[in-house]
N, C-alpha and C. Protein backbone atom coordinates (compact mmCIF):
# COMPACT_ATOMS: atom_id res chain seq x y z
N MET A 1 -13.59 -11.84 1.32
CA MET A 1 -13.00 -12.10 0.02
C MET A 1 -12.34 -13.47 0.06
N THR A 2 -12.78 -14.34 -0.79
CA THR A 2 -12.15 -15.66 -0.88
C THR A 2 -11.72 -15.89 -2.32
N PHE A 3 -10.56 -16.48 -2.48
CA PHE A 3 -10.07 -16.82 -3.81
C PHE A 3 -9.14 -18.00 -3.72
N SER A 4 -9.02 -18.71 -4.82
CA SER A 4 -8.13 -19.86 -4.85
C SER A 4 -7.05 -19.62 -5.89
N GLY A 5 -6.05 -20.47 -5.87
CA GLY A 5 -4.95 -20.30 -6.81
C GLY A 5 -3.94 -19.29 -6.29
N THR A 6 -2.90 -19.06 -7.06
CA THR A 6 -1.85 -18.11 -6.69
C THR A 6 -1.95 -16.89 -7.60
N PHE A 7 -1.91 -15.73 -6.99
CA PHE A 7 -1.95 -14.49 -7.75
C PHE A 7 -0.58 -14.04 -8.20
N PHE A 8 0.45 -14.40 -7.42
CA PHE A 8 1.76 -13.79 -7.62
C PHE A 8 2.83 -14.82 -7.33
N GLY A 9 3.50 -15.31 -8.37
CA GLY A 9 4.53 -16.32 -8.22
C GLY A 9 5.93 -15.75 -8.35
N GLU A 10 6.92 -16.62 -8.36
CA GLU A 10 8.33 -16.21 -8.42
C GLU A 10 8.67 -15.46 -9.71
N GLU A 11 8.11 -15.87 -10.84
CA GLU A 11 8.37 -15.15 -12.09
C GLU A 11 7.80 -13.74 -12.03
N ASP A 12 6.63 -13.60 -11.42
CA ASP A 12 6.02 -12.28 -11.26
C ASP A 12 6.88 -11.41 -10.35
N ARG A 13 7.38 -12.00 -9.27
CA ARG A 13 8.23 -11.26 -8.33
C ARG A 13 9.49 -10.76 -9.03
N ALA A 14 10.10 -11.62 -9.85
CA ALA A 14 11.31 -11.24 -10.58
C ALA A 14 11.01 -10.11 -11.57
N ALA A 15 9.88 -10.17 -12.25
CA ALA A 15 9.51 -9.12 -13.19
C ALA A 15 9.26 -7.80 -12.47
N LEU A 16 8.58 -7.85 -11.33
CA LEU A 16 8.32 -6.62 -10.55
C LEU A 16 9.63 -6.06 -10.01
N TYR A 17 10.50 -6.92 -9.54
CA TYR A 17 11.81 -6.49 -9.05
C TYR A 17 12.58 -5.73 -10.14
N ARG A 18 12.61 -6.29 -11.35
CA ARG A 18 13.33 -5.63 -12.46
C ARG A 18 12.74 -4.25 -12.75
N LEU A 19 11.42 -4.16 -12.75
CA LEU A 19 10.79 -2.86 -12.99
C LEU A 19 11.16 -1.85 -11.91
N LEU A 20 11.12 -2.29 -10.66
CA LEU A 20 11.47 -1.39 -9.56
C LEU A 20 12.92 -0.93 -9.67
N LEU A 21 13.79 -1.86 -9.92
CA LEU A 21 15.22 -1.55 -10.00
C LEU A 21 15.53 -0.57 -11.13
N THR A 22 14.89 -0.74 -12.27
CA THR A 22 15.20 0.11 -13.42
C THR A 22 14.39 1.40 -13.48
N ARG A 23 13.23 1.45 -12.83
CA ARG A 23 12.36 2.62 -12.97
C ARG A 23 12.22 3.47 -11.70
N SER A 24 12.37 2.86 -10.52
CA SER A 24 11.99 3.57 -9.29
C SER A 24 13.12 4.16 -8.48
N PHE A 25 14.35 3.74 -8.72
CA PHE A 25 15.45 4.23 -7.89
C PHE A 25 16.24 5.32 -8.58
N GLN A 26 16.52 6.39 -7.83
CA GLN A 26 17.41 7.47 -8.28
C GLN A 26 18.44 7.67 -7.18
N PHE A 27 19.65 8.03 -7.58
CA PHE A 27 20.74 8.19 -6.61
C PHE A 27 21.24 9.62 -6.63
N GLY A 28 21.60 10.12 -5.46
CA GLY A 28 22.05 11.49 -5.29
C GLY A 28 21.76 11.92 -3.87
N GLU A 29 21.48 13.20 -3.68
CA GLU A 29 21.13 13.71 -2.36
C GLU A 29 19.67 14.12 -2.37
N PHE A 30 18.90 13.52 -1.46
CA PHE A 30 17.46 13.77 -1.39
C PHE A 30 17.03 14.03 0.04
N VAL A 31 15.98 14.84 0.18
CA VAL A 31 15.32 15.03 1.47
C VAL A 31 13.96 14.35 1.34
N LEU A 32 13.69 13.40 2.23
CA LEU A 32 12.45 12.64 2.19
C LEU A 32 11.33 13.40 2.87
N SER A 33 10.09 12.95 2.70
CA SER A 33 8.94 13.62 3.33
C SER A 33 9.06 13.63 4.85
N SER A 34 9.81 12.68 5.39
CA SER A 34 10.04 12.62 6.84
C SER A 34 11.03 13.69 7.29
N GLY A 35 11.71 14.34 6.34
CA GLY A 35 12.74 15.32 6.67
C GLY A 35 14.13 14.71 6.69
N LYS A 36 14.22 13.39 6.64
CA LYS A 36 15.52 12.72 6.65
C LYS A 36 16.21 12.90 5.31
N LYS A 37 17.55 12.91 5.34
CA LYS A 37 18.34 12.96 4.11
C LYS A 37 18.66 11.53 3.69
N SER A 38 18.75 11.33 2.37
CA SER A 38 19.01 10.00 1.84
C SER A 38 19.87 10.10 0.60
N SER A 39 20.67 9.06 0.37
CA SER A 39 21.52 9.00 -0.82
C SER A 39 20.78 8.38 -2.01
N TYR A 40 19.55 7.95 -1.78
CA TYR A 40 18.74 7.42 -2.87
C TYR A 40 17.29 7.83 -2.65
N TYR A 41 16.56 7.82 -3.74
CA TYR A 41 15.13 8.12 -3.68
C TYR A 41 14.39 6.99 -4.36
N PHE A 42 13.37 6.50 -3.70
CA PHE A 42 12.52 5.46 -4.26
C PHE A 42 11.21 6.10 -4.69
N ASP A 43 10.94 6.11 -5.98
CA ASP A 43 9.72 6.68 -6.53
C ASP A 43 8.84 5.54 -7.02
N GLY A 44 8.02 5.02 -6.13
CA GLY A 44 7.17 3.88 -6.44
C GLY A 44 6.18 4.13 -7.56
N LYS A 45 5.78 5.39 -7.74
CA LYS A 45 4.80 5.71 -8.77
C LYS A 45 5.33 5.42 -10.18
N GLN A 46 6.64 5.35 -10.34
CA GLN A 46 7.20 5.00 -11.65
C GLN A 46 6.85 3.57 -12.04
N VAL A 47 6.50 2.76 -11.06
CA VAL A 47 6.08 1.38 -11.33
C VAL A 47 4.57 1.22 -11.12
N THR A 48 4.01 1.81 -10.08
CA THR A 48 2.58 1.63 -9.83
C THR A 48 1.72 2.33 -10.87
N LEU A 49 2.30 3.27 -11.62
CA LEU A 49 1.59 3.93 -12.72
C LEU A 49 2.06 3.43 -14.09
N HIS A 50 2.77 2.34 -14.11
CA HIS A 50 3.21 1.69 -15.34
C HIS A 50 2.28 0.50 -15.57
N PRO A 51 1.80 0.25 -16.78
CA PRO A 51 0.81 -0.83 -16.99
C PRO A 51 1.21 -2.18 -16.41
N GLU A 52 2.38 -2.68 -16.76
CA GLU A 52 2.81 -3.98 -16.24
C GLU A 52 3.03 -3.92 -14.73
N GLY A 53 3.65 -2.82 -14.29
CA GLY A 53 3.92 -2.66 -12.86
C GLY A 53 2.65 -2.62 -12.04
N ALA A 54 1.65 -1.88 -12.52
CA ALA A 54 0.38 -1.79 -11.79
C ALA A 54 -0.26 -3.16 -11.64
N TYR A 55 -0.25 -3.92 -12.72
CA TYR A 55 -0.83 -5.25 -12.71
C TYR A 55 -0.10 -6.17 -11.73
N LEU A 56 1.23 -6.14 -11.77
CA LEU A 56 2.02 -6.99 -10.88
C LEU A 56 1.86 -6.58 -9.43
N VAL A 57 1.85 -5.28 -9.15
CA VAL A 57 1.68 -4.80 -7.77
C VAL A 57 0.32 -5.23 -7.23
N ALA A 58 -0.73 -5.07 -8.04
CA ALA A 58 -2.07 -5.46 -7.59
C ALA A 58 -2.11 -6.94 -7.23
N ARG A 59 -1.53 -7.76 -8.07
CA ARG A 59 -1.53 -9.20 -7.81
C ARG A 59 -0.69 -9.53 -6.57
N ALA A 60 0.42 -8.84 -6.37
CA ALA A 60 1.25 -9.06 -5.18
C ALA A 60 0.49 -8.67 -3.92
N VAL A 61 -0.22 -7.55 -3.96
CA VAL A 61 -1.00 -7.11 -2.80
C VAL A 61 -2.09 -8.13 -2.48
N LEU A 62 -2.80 -8.60 -3.50
CA LEU A 62 -3.85 -9.59 -3.26
C LEU A 62 -3.27 -10.88 -2.68
N GLU A 63 -2.09 -11.25 -3.12
CA GLU A 63 -1.42 -12.44 -2.55
C GLU A 63 -1.10 -12.21 -1.07
N LYS A 64 -0.65 -11.00 -0.74
CA LYS A 64 -0.28 -10.68 0.65
C LYS A 64 -1.48 -10.71 1.59
N ILE A 65 -2.67 -10.38 1.10
CA ILE A 65 -3.83 -10.34 2.00
C ILE A 65 -4.62 -11.65 1.99
N ARG A 66 -4.22 -12.58 1.16
CA ARG A 66 -4.90 -13.88 1.08
C ARG A 66 -5.00 -14.52 2.47
N GLY A 67 -6.17 -15.02 2.79
CA GLY A 67 -6.38 -15.76 4.03
C GLY A 67 -6.43 -14.92 5.29
N LYS A 68 -6.41 -13.60 5.16
CA LYS A 68 -6.43 -12.73 6.35
C LYS A 68 -7.80 -12.16 6.65
N GLY A 69 -8.80 -12.56 5.88
CA GLY A 69 -10.15 -12.08 6.13
C GLY A 69 -10.36 -10.61 5.83
N VAL A 70 -9.54 -10.07 4.94
CA VAL A 70 -9.63 -8.65 4.59
C VAL A 70 -10.90 -8.41 3.76
N GLN A 71 -11.66 -7.40 4.16
CA GLN A 71 -12.90 -7.04 3.46
C GLN A 71 -12.78 -5.75 2.68
N ALA A 72 -11.81 -4.92 3.04
CA ALA A 72 -11.61 -3.64 2.35
C ALA A 72 -10.12 -3.31 2.34
N LEU A 73 -9.72 -2.53 1.34
CA LEU A 73 -8.31 -2.21 1.16
C LEU A 73 -8.20 -0.77 0.68
N GLY A 74 -7.27 -0.05 1.26
CA GLY A 74 -7.05 1.33 0.84
C GLY A 74 -5.82 1.87 1.53
N GLY A 75 -5.59 3.16 1.32
CA GLY A 75 -4.41 3.75 1.94
C GLY A 75 -4.36 5.24 1.69
N PRO A 76 -3.24 5.84 2.07
CA PRO A 76 -3.10 7.29 1.99
C PRO A 76 -2.98 7.80 0.56
N ILE A 77 -3.68 8.90 0.32
CA ILE A 77 -3.51 9.61 -0.93
C ILE A 77 -2.09 10.17 -0.89
N ILE A 78 -1.27 10.04 -1.78
CA ILE A 78 -1.27 9.74 -3.17
C ILE A 78 -0.55 8.42 -3.45
N GLY A 79 0.21 7.93 -2.48
CA GLY A 79 0.95 6.69 -2.68
C GLY A 79 0.07 5.48 -2.94
N ALA A 80 -1.10 5.44 -2.31
CA ALA A 80 -1.99 4.29 -2.48
C ALA A 80 -2.90 4.40 -3.69
N ASP A 81 -3.07 5.58 -4.24
CA ASP A 81 -4.04 5.77 -5.34
C ASP A 81 -3.86 4.77 -6.48
N PRO A 82 -2.68 4.68 -7.10
CA PRO A 82 -2.55 3.75 -8.22
C PRO A 82 -2.64 2.29 -7.78
N ILE A 83 -2.22 1.99 -6.56
CA ILE A 83 -2.31 0.61 -6.07
C ILE A 83 -3.77 0.21 -5.92
N VAL A 84 -4.56 1.06 -5.28
CA VAL A 84 -5.98 0.78 -5.08
C VAL A 84 -6.69 0.66 -6.43
N GLY A 85 -6.36 1.55 -7.37
CA GLY A 85 -6.97 1.49 -8.69
C GLY A 85 -6.66 0.20 -9.42
N SER A 86 -5.41 -0.25 -9.34
CA SER A 86 -5.06 -1.49 -10.04
C SER A 86 -5.64 -2.71 -9.33
N VAL A 87 -5.72 -2.68 -8.02
CA VAL A 87 -6.37 -3.77 -7.29
C VAL A 87 -7.84 -3.86 -7.69
N ALA A 88 -8.48 -2.71 -7.90
CA ALA A 88 -9.89 -2.70 -8.32
C ALA A 88 -10.06 -3.45 -9.64
N VAL A 89 -9.19 -3.20 -10.59
CA VAL A 89 -9.30 -3.85 -11.89
C VAL A 89 -9.07 -5.35 -11.78
N VAL A 90 -8.04 -5.76 -11.04
CA VAL A 90 -7.78 -7.19 -10.88
C VAL A 90 -8.94 -7.87 -10.15
N CYS A 91 -9.50 -7.22 -9.15
CA CYS A 91 -10.67 -7.77 -8.45
C CYS A 91 -11.84 -7.96 -9.42
N ALA A 92 -12.05 -6.99 -10.30
CA ALA A 92 -13.14 -7.12 -11.28
C ALA A 92 -12.88 -8.30 -12.21
N LEU A 93 -11.64 -8.45 -12.67
CA LEU A 93 -11.30 -9.56 -13.56
C LEU A 93 -11.46 -10.91 -12.88
N LYS A 94 -11.15 -10.97 -11.58
CA LYS A 94 -11.22 -12.22 -10.83
C LYS A 94 -12.56 -12.39 -10.10
N ARG A 95 -13.45 -11.43 -10.26
CA ARG A 95 -14.76 -11.44 -9.60
C ARG A 95 -14.64 -11.54 -8.08
N LEU A 96 -13.75 -10.72 -7.53
CA LEU A 96 -13.55 -10.65 -6.09
C LEU A 96 -14.28 -9.43 -5.54
N ASP A 97 -14.95 -9.61 -4.43
CA ASP A 97 -15.67 -8.52 -3.79
C ASP A 97 -14.79 -7.96 -2.68
N LEU A 98 -14.23 -6.81 -2.91
CA LEU A 98 -13.33 -6.17 -1.96
C LEU A 98 -13.65 -4.69 -1.94
N GLY A 99 -13.97 -4.14 -0.78
CA GLY A 99 -14.20 -2.70 -0.66
C GLY A 99 -12.89 -1.96 -0.85
N LEU A 100 -12.96 -0.81 -1.49
CA LEU A 100 -11.75 -0.03 -1.75
C LEU A 100 -11.96 1.41 -1.30
N PHE A 101 -10.89 2.04 -0.82
CA PHE A 101 -11.00 3.40 -0.30
C PHE A 101 -9.65 4.10 -0.36
N LEU A 102 -9.70 5.42 -0.22
CA LEU A 102 -8.50 6.25 -0.11
C LEU A 102 -8.68 7.17 1.08
N VAL A 103 -7.58 7.49 1.74
CA VAL A 103 -7.64 8.33 2.94
C VAL A 103 -6.90 9.64 2.69
N ARG A 104 -7.64 10.73 2.88
CA ARG A 104 -7.03 12.07 2.79
C ARG A 104 -6.26 12.36 4.07
N LYS A 105 -5.27 13.23 3.98
CA LYS A 105 -4.53 13.65 5.18
C LYS A 105 -5.47 14.35 6.16
N ASP A 106 -6.33 15.20 5.62
CA ASP A 106 -7.33 15.90 6.43
C ASP A 106 -8.68 15.79 5.71
N ALA A 107 -9.74 15.90 6.46
CA ALA A 107 -11.08 15.86 5.86
C ALA A 107 -11.23 16.98 4.83
N LYS A 108 -11.91 16.67 3.75
CA LYS A 108 -12.18 17.65 2.70
C LYS A 108 -13.00 18.79 3.29
N GLN A 109 -12.74 20.01 2.86
CA GLN A 109 -13.41 21.18 3.43
C GLN A 109 -14.67 21.58 2.67
N HIS A 110 -15.11 20.76 1.71
CA HIS A 110 -16.32 21.06 0.96
C HIS A 110 -17.04 19.74 0.65
N GLY A 111 -18.17 19.83 0.00
CA GLY A 111 -18.93 18.62 -0.34
C GLY A 111 -19.34 17.87 0.91
N LYS A 112 -19.05 16.60 0.96
CA LYS A 112 -19.43 15.76 2.10
C LYS A 112 -18.41 15.80 3.23
N ARG A 113 -17.31 16.53 3.02
CA ARG A 113 -16.28 16.74 4.06
C ARG A 113 -15.72 15.43 4.61
N ARG A 114 -15.48 14.50 3.71
CA ARG A 114 -14.99 13.18 4.13
C ARG A 114 -13.48 13.13 4.17
N ARG A 115 -12.99 12.33 5.07
CA ARG A 115 -11.57 12.02 5.14
C ARG A 115 -11.29 10.72 4.38
N ILE A 116 -12.25 9.79 4.42
CA ILE A 116 -12.13 8.52 3.70
C ILE A 116 -13.01 8.59 2.47
N GLU A 117 -12.39 8.42 1.29
CA GLU A 117 -13.12 8.46 0.03
C GLU A 117 -13.40 7.04 -0.46
N GLY A 118 -14.57 6.86 -1.02
CA GLY A 118 -14.98 5.56 -1.53
C GLY A 118 -16.26 5.13 -0.87
N PRO A 119 -16.74 3.94 -1.19
CA PRO A 119 -17.96 3.45 -0.55
C PRO A 119 -17.77 3.42 0.97
N PRO A 120 -18.81 3.74 1.73
CA PRO A 120 -18.68 3.79 3.20
C PRO A 120 -18.17 2.46 3.78
N LEU A 121 -17.30 2.58 4.77
CA LEU A 121 -16.79 1.42 5.48
C LEU A 121 -17.67 1.19 6.71
N ALA A 122 -18.23 -0.01 6.83
CA ALA A 122 -19.06 -0.34 7.98
C ALA A 122 -18.18 -0.60 9.20
N PRO A 123 -18.61 -0.20 10.39
CA PRO A 123 -17.85 -0.54 11.59
C PRO A 123 -17.62 -2.05 11.66
N GLY A 124 -16.43 -2.43 12.07
CA GLY A 124 -16.08 -3.83 12.17
C GLY A 124 -15.43 -4.40 10.92
N THR A 125 -15.40 -3.62 9.83
CA THR A 125 -14.79 -4.10 8.59
C THR A 125 -13.30 -4.38 8.82
N ARG A 126 -12.85 -5.51 8.30
CA ARG A 126 -11.43 -5.89 8.38
C ARG A 126 -10.70 -5.28 7.19
N VAL A 127 -9.70 -4.46 7.48
CA VAL A 127 -9.06 -3.61 6.47
C VAL A 127 -7.58 -3.90 6.34
N ALA A 128 -7.09 -3.81 5.10
CA ALA A 128 -5.65 -3.78 4.82
C ALA A 128 -5.32 -2.38 4.32
N VAL A 129 -4.25 -1.81 4.85
CA VAL A 129 -3.80 -0.49 4.42
C VAL A 129 -2.58 -0.70 3.53
N VAL A 130 -2.56 0.00 2.37
CA VAL A 130 -1.46 -0.15 1.42
C VAL A 130 -0.79 1.20 1.14
N ASP A 131 0.48 1.13 0.75
CA ASP A 131 1.22 2.33 0.32
C ASP A 131 2.38 1.86 -0.53
N ASP A 132 2.96 2.78 -1.28
CA ASP A 132 4.07 2.38 -2.15
C ASP A 132 5.38 2.25 -1.39
N VAL A 133 5.59 3.08 -0.39
CA VAL A 133 6.85 3.03 0.35
C VAL A 133 6.59 3.29 1.83
N LEU A 134 7.38 2.65 2.68
CA LEU A 134 7.30 2.85 4.12
C LEU A 134 8.66 3.33 4.60
N THR A 135 8.66 4.51 5.22
CA THR A 135 9.90 5.04 5.79
C THR A 135 9.71 5.12 7.30
N THR A 136 9.06 6.17 7.80
CA THR A 136 8.84 6.32 9.24
C THR A 136 7.47 5.81 9.67
N GLY A 137 6.56 5.63 8.73
CA GLY A 137 5.23 5.14 9.05
C GLY A 137 4.17 6.21 9.19
N GLY A 138 4.54 7.48 9.00
CA GLY A 138 3.61 8.59 9.20
C GLY A 138 2.41 8.55 8.28
N SER A 139 2.61 8.31 7.00
CA SER A 139 1.49 8.29 6.04
C SER A 139 0.53 7.14 6.33
N ILE A 140 1.10 5.97 6.58
CA ILE A 140 0.24 4.82 6.88
C ILE A 140 -0.47 5.04 8.22
N PHE A 141 0.21 5.61 9.19
CA PHE A 141 -0.42 5.88 10.48
C PHE A 141 -1.66 6.76 10.30
N ASN A 142 -1.56 7.78 9.45
CA ASN A 142 -2.70 8.66 9.20
C ASN A 142 -3.89 7.85 8.65
N ALA A 143 -3.62 6.94 7.73
CA ALA A 143 -4.69 6.11 7.16
C ALA A 143 -5.24 5.14 8.20
N VAL A 144 -4.37 4.52 8.97
CA VAL A 144 -4.80 3.60 10.03
C VAL A 144 -5.70 4.32 11.02
N GLU A 145 -5.27 5.50 11.43
CA GLU A 145 -6.06 6.29 12.38
C GLU A 145 -7.45 6.59 11.83
N ALA A 146 -7.54 6.95 10.57
CA ALA A 146 -8.84 7.28 9.96
C ALA A 146 -9.77 6.07 9.92
N VAL A 147 -9.26 4.91 9.51
CA VAL A 147 -10.13 3.74 9.44
C VAL A 147 -10.49 3.22 10.83
N GLN A 148 -9.59 3.38 11.78
CA GLN A 148 -9.93 2.99 13.15
C GLN A 148 -11.01 3.91 13.73
N GLU A 149 -10.93 5.20 13.41
CA GLU A 149 -11.97 6.14 13.85
C GLU A 149 -13.33 5.79 13.24
N ALA A 150 -13.31 5.16 12.06
CA ALA A 150 -14.54 4.71 11.40
C ALA A 150 -15.03 3.39 11.98
N GLY A 151 -14.31 2.84 12.96
CA GLY A 151 -14.72 1.62 13.62
C GLY A 151 -14.23 0.34 12.96
N CYS A 152 -13.27 0.47 12.05
CA CYS A 152 -12.75 -0.69 11.33
C CYS A 152 -11.52 -1.26 12.04
N LYS A 153 -11.22 -2.52 11.75
CA LYS A 153 -10.05 -3.18 12.31
C LYS A 153 -8.99 -3.30 11.21
N VAL A 154 -7.82 -2.73 11.46
CA VAL A 154 -6.72 -2.85 10.51
C VAL A 154 -6.02 -4.18 10.76
N VAL A 155 -6.07 -5.05 9.75
CA VAL A 155 -5.53 -6.39 9.84
C VAL A 155 -4.05 -6.42 9.49
N THR A 156 -3.67 -5.64 8.47
CA THR A 156 -2.28 -5.64 8.00
C THR A 156 -2.02 -4.38 7.20
N ALA A 157 -0.74 -4.05 7.07
CA ALA A 157 -0.30 -2.99 6.17
C ALA A 157 0.62 -3.64 5.15
N VAL A 158 0.35 -3.40 3.86
CA VAL A 158 1.16 -3.96 2.78
C VAL A 158 1.81 -2.79 2.05
N VAL A 159 3.12 -2.84 1.92
CA VAL A 159 3.84 -1.79 1.21
C VAL A 159 4.67 -2.41 0.10
N LEU A 160 4.87 -1.64 -0.94
CA LEU A 160 5.68 -2.10 -2.06
C LEU A 160 7.13 -2.25 -1.62
N VAL A 161 7.69 -1.21 -0.97
CA VAL A 161 9.06 -1.26 -0.46
C VAL A 161 9.12 -0.65 0.93
N ASP A 162 9.70 -1.41 1.86
CA ASP A 162 9.97 -0.93 3.21
C ASP A 162 11.42 -0.46 3.23
N ARG A 163 11.62 0.84 3.48
CA ARG A 163 12.98 1.40 3.52
C ARG A 163 13.75 0.97 4.76
N ARG A 164 13.06 0.35 5.72
CA ARG A 164 13.66 -0.10 6.97
C ARG A 164 14.28 1.06 7.74
N GLU A 165 13.46 2.10 7.91
CA GLU A 165 13.92 3.27 8.65
C GLU A 165 13.02 3.56 9.84
N GLY A 166 12.48 2.50 10.44
CA GLY A 166 11.70 2.66 11.66
C GLY A 166 10.19 2.55 11.49
N GLY A 167 9.70 2.60 10.28
CA GLY A 167 8.25 2.55 10.06
C GLY A 167 7.61 1.25 10.49
N THR A 168 8.26 0.14 10.20
CA THR A 168 7.71 -1.17 10.58
C THR A 168 7.60 -1.27 12.09
N GLU A 169 8.63 -0.86 12.80
CA GLU A 169 8.61 -0.92 14.26
C GLU A 169 7.55 0.01 14.83
N PHE A 170 7.44 1.21 14.26
CA PHE A 170 6.44 2.18 14.70
C PHE A 170 5.04 1.58 14.59
N LEU A 171 4.73 0.99 13.43
CA LEU A 171 3.41 0.40 13.21
C LEU A 171 3.20 -0.84 14.06
N LYS A 172 4.25 -1.64 14.22
CA LYS A 172 4.15 -2.84 15.06
C LYS A 172 3.80 -2.46 16.49
N ASN A 173 4.39 -1.38 16.99
CA ASN A 173 4.09 -0.90 18.34
C ASN A 173 2.64 -0.45 18.48
N MET A 174 2.00 -0.15 17.36
CA MET A 174 0.57 0.21 17.37
C MET A 174 -0.31 -1.02 17.17
N GLY A 175 0.31 -2.18 17.04
CA GLY A 175 -0.44 -3.41 16.83
C GLY A 175 -0.76 -3.70 15.38
N ILE A 176 -0.06 -3.03 14.43
CA ILE A 176 -0.28 -3.21 13.00
C ILE A 176 0.88 -4.01 12.41
N ALA A 177 0.57 -5.18 11.85
CA ALA A 177 1.59 -5.99 11.19
C ALA A 177 1.88 -5.41 9.81
N VAL A 178 3.15 -5.33 9.45
CA VAL A 178 3.56 -4.83 8.14
C VAL A 178 4.08 -6.01 7.33
N ASP A 179 3.58 -6.12 6.09
CA ASP A 179 3.98 -7.21 5.21
C ASP A 179 4.46 -6.60 3.89
N PRO A 180 5.75 -6.24 3.80
CA PRO A 180 6.25 -5.62 2.58
C PRO A 180 6.40 -6.62 1.44
N ILE A 181 6.20 -6.14 0.22
CA ILE A 181 6.47 -6.95 -0.95
C ILE A 181 7.99 -7.10 -1.11
N PHE A 182 8.70 -5.98 -0.90
CA PHE A 182 10.16 -5.96 -0.89
C PHE A 182 10.63 -5.08 0.26
N THR A 183 11.86 -5.30 0.71
CA THR A 183 12.51 -4.36 1.63
C THR A 183 13.71 -3.78 0.88
N ILE A 184 14.23 -2.70 1.41
CA ILE A 184 15.37 -2.06 0.78
C ILE A 184 16.57 -3.01 0.70
N ALA A 185 16.63 -3.97 1.62
CA ALA A 185 17.73 -4.95 1.61
C ALA A 185 17.72 -5.83 0.36
N ASP A 186 16.59 -5.87 -0.35
CA ASP A 186 16.50 -6.65 -1.59
C ASP A 186 17.19 -5.97 -2.76
N PHE A 187 17.55 -4.68 -2.60
CA PHE A 187 18.08 -3.90 -3.71
C PHE A 187 19.51 -3.45 -3.44
N PRO A 188 20.32 -3.27 -4.48
CA PRO A 188 21.72 -2.84 -4.30
C PRO A 188 21.82 -1.32 -4.13
N VAL A 189 21.40 -0.84 -2.98
CA VAL A 189 21.50 0.61 -2.72
C VAL A 189 22.50 0.88 -1.61
């Protein structure tokens, strides 16, 4: 995938930040999917499923993978679903050829029994894994594992918000670079 120009500038970043701040954060007592307790909850789908938010997130993701030789992009169901869908539309508008996929937690028990949904990934494909939030890294790890089993090379992981709760370090120890659009330190939580 090659493209020129900038997909995501400072004005876009400010607009996405405002959407995240006003739509995605809730405060109180929450138990996260990792089992950890938190005083806030980040619901990325409130932005990734919002028309303007989806468009901005897609452009931010494409900016993050620029120049990395990424040939395919996908991530764990359900956090990556709206991101992958919006990236597909922006790629069509910009005439970019990028393979897209979604990774199930477990292989489907019927039909073709696939764990990776979408056009087949050829061995050696350079992949970016995306998700809306990174906490411990478990969801992204599941997706990384699936694409590596398919013979692909994971080039980077791009997340909308890194909660900075060990996920980046966990993935880094596996040799996966994490490139968040925002970290929790960017927000007043």
